[in-house]
Amino acid sequence: MQSALEDEITFGRGLIVMRDAPHLANPVRRAVTRSELRPLLPGIYVPADLPVPLPLRARAIMRHDPAAIILGAAAASLQGDSQPLGRGFYP
């Protein structure tokens, strides 16, 4: 992978957000073709060979749609407690 893409992944804490890096459109397209990157959401790319943990997915969603709301078990997990207390109630 090109060092510019690696730098952007490091700067973006695991993500390449095309809205922030339009100058990387062609290198990203080539990296996707070579299966080095994969799209996670429209305009957001991650390394293809790495798992995408929930915190990274949540950050991607918030970059894609700042008004997004994460609910349920995913929200509880991001708060550090994945055990619900009952129907929809979390500590």
Protein backbone atom coordinates (compact mmCIF):
# COMPACT_ATOMS: atom_id res chain seq x y z
CA MET A 1 0.00 0.00 0.00
CA GLN A 2 1.22 3.52 -0.74
CA SER A 3 2.71 5.45 2.15
CA ALA A 4 0.18 8.27 1.56
CA LEU A 5 -2.64 5.79 2.20
CA GLU A 6 -0.88 4.37 5.26
CA ASP A 7 -0.39 7.90 6.58
CA GLU A 8 -4.08 8.67 6.06
CA ILE A 9 -5.12 5.46 7.84
CA THR A 10 -2.86 6.39 10.76
CA PHE A 11 -4.14 9.99 10.80
CA GLY A 12 -7.74 8.77 10.47
CA ARG A 13 -7.24 6.22 13.29
CA GLY A 14 -8.01 3.26 11.06
CA LEU A 15 -10.24 4.95 8.49
CA ILE A 16 -9.81 6.75 5.21
CA VAL A 17 -12.64 9.25 4.84
CA MET A 18 -12.77 10.45 1.25
CA ARG A 19 -14.50 13.68 2.27
CA ASP A 20 -11.29 14.54 4.17
CA ALA A 21 -8.88 13.21 1.55
CA PRO A 22 -10.25 13.76 -1.96
CA HIS A 23 -6.69 13.90 -3.29
CA LEU A 24 -6.41 10.17 -2.54
CA ALA A 25 -9.32 9.11 -4.77
CA ASN A 26 -7.16 7.37 -7.38
CA PRO A 27 -4.81 5.63 -4.91
CA VAL A 28 -7.83 4.44 -2.89
CA ARG A 29 -9.51 3.10 -6.03
CA ARG A 30 -6.32 1.20 -6.96
CA ALA A 31 -5.96 -0.15 -3.39
CA VAL A 32 -9.56 -1.41 -3.48
CA THR A 33 -8.89 -3.09 -6.84
CA ARG A 34 -5.81 -4.80 -5.32
CA SER A 35 -7.89 -5.83 -2.25
CA GLU A 36 -5.73 -3.74 0.10
CA LEU A 37 -8.67 -1.57 1.16
CA ARG A 38 -12.38 -2.26 1.37
CA PRO A 39 -15.34 0.08 1.69
CA LEU A 40 -16.97 0.08 5.11
CA LEU A 41 -19.55 2.77 4.31
CA PRO A 42 -19.94 5.00 1.25
CA GLY A 43 -16.77 7.10 1.07
CA ILE A 44 -15.14 5.38 4.06
CA TYR A 45 -12.46 2.73 3.61
CA VAL A 46 -10.56 0.40 5.94
CA PRO A 47 -7.63 -1.99 5.44
CA ALA A 48 -8.99 -5.19 3.92
CA ASP A 49 -6.80 -7.50 5.98
CA LEU A 50 -7.77 -6.21 9.42
CA PRO A 51 -10.88 -6.86 11.51
CA VAL A 52 -13.21 -3.93 12.07
CA PRO A 53 -14.07 -3.80 15.78
CA LEU A 54 -17.22 -2.11 17.02
CA PRO A 55 -15.49 1.13 18.15
CA LEU A 56 -14.04 1.59 14.66
CA ARG A 57 -17.44 0.87 13.07
CA ALA A 58 -19.05 3.41 15.40
CA ARG A 59 -16.45 6.03 14.50
CA ALA A 60 -17.06 5.32 10.81
CA ILE A 61 -20.81 5.74 11.26
CA MET A 62 -20.32 9.05 13.07
CA ARG A 63 -18.01 10.29 10.29
CA HIS A 64 -20.53 9.18 7.66
CA ASP A 65 -23.55 10.68 9.46
CA PRO A 66 -22.80 12.90 12.47
CA ALA A 67 -26.49 12.78 13.43
CA ALA A 68 -26.49 8.97 13.65
CA ILE A 69 -27.59 7.39 16.90
CA ILE A 70 -26.23 4.05 18.06
CA LEU A 71 -28.74 2.03 20.08
CA GLY A 72 -29.14 -1.25 21.89
CA ALA A 73 -26.37 -3.72 22.58
CA ALA A 74 -23.93 -1.81 20.36
CA ALA A 75 -24.42 1.37 22.42
CA ALA A 76 -24.07 -0.57 25.66
CA SER A 77 -20.90 -2.21 24.41
CA LEU A 78 -19.43 1.18 23.50
CA GLN A 79 -20.18 2.33 27.04
CA GLY A 80 -18.25 -0.64 28.38
CA ASP A 81 -21.17 -2.81 29.48
CA SER A 82 -22.72 -5.25 27.06
CA GLN A 83 -25.08 -6.81 29.59
CA PRO A 84 -28.62 -5.42 29.38
CA LEU A 85 -30.60 -5.07 32.60
CA GLY A 86 -33.85 -5.92 30.91
CA ARG A 87 -35.94 -4.96 27.92
CA GLY A 88 -33.91 -2.08 26.54
CA PHE A 89 -32.49 -0.90 29.87
CA TYR A 90 -28.75 -0.52 30.24
CA PRO A 91 -26.71 0.84 33.13
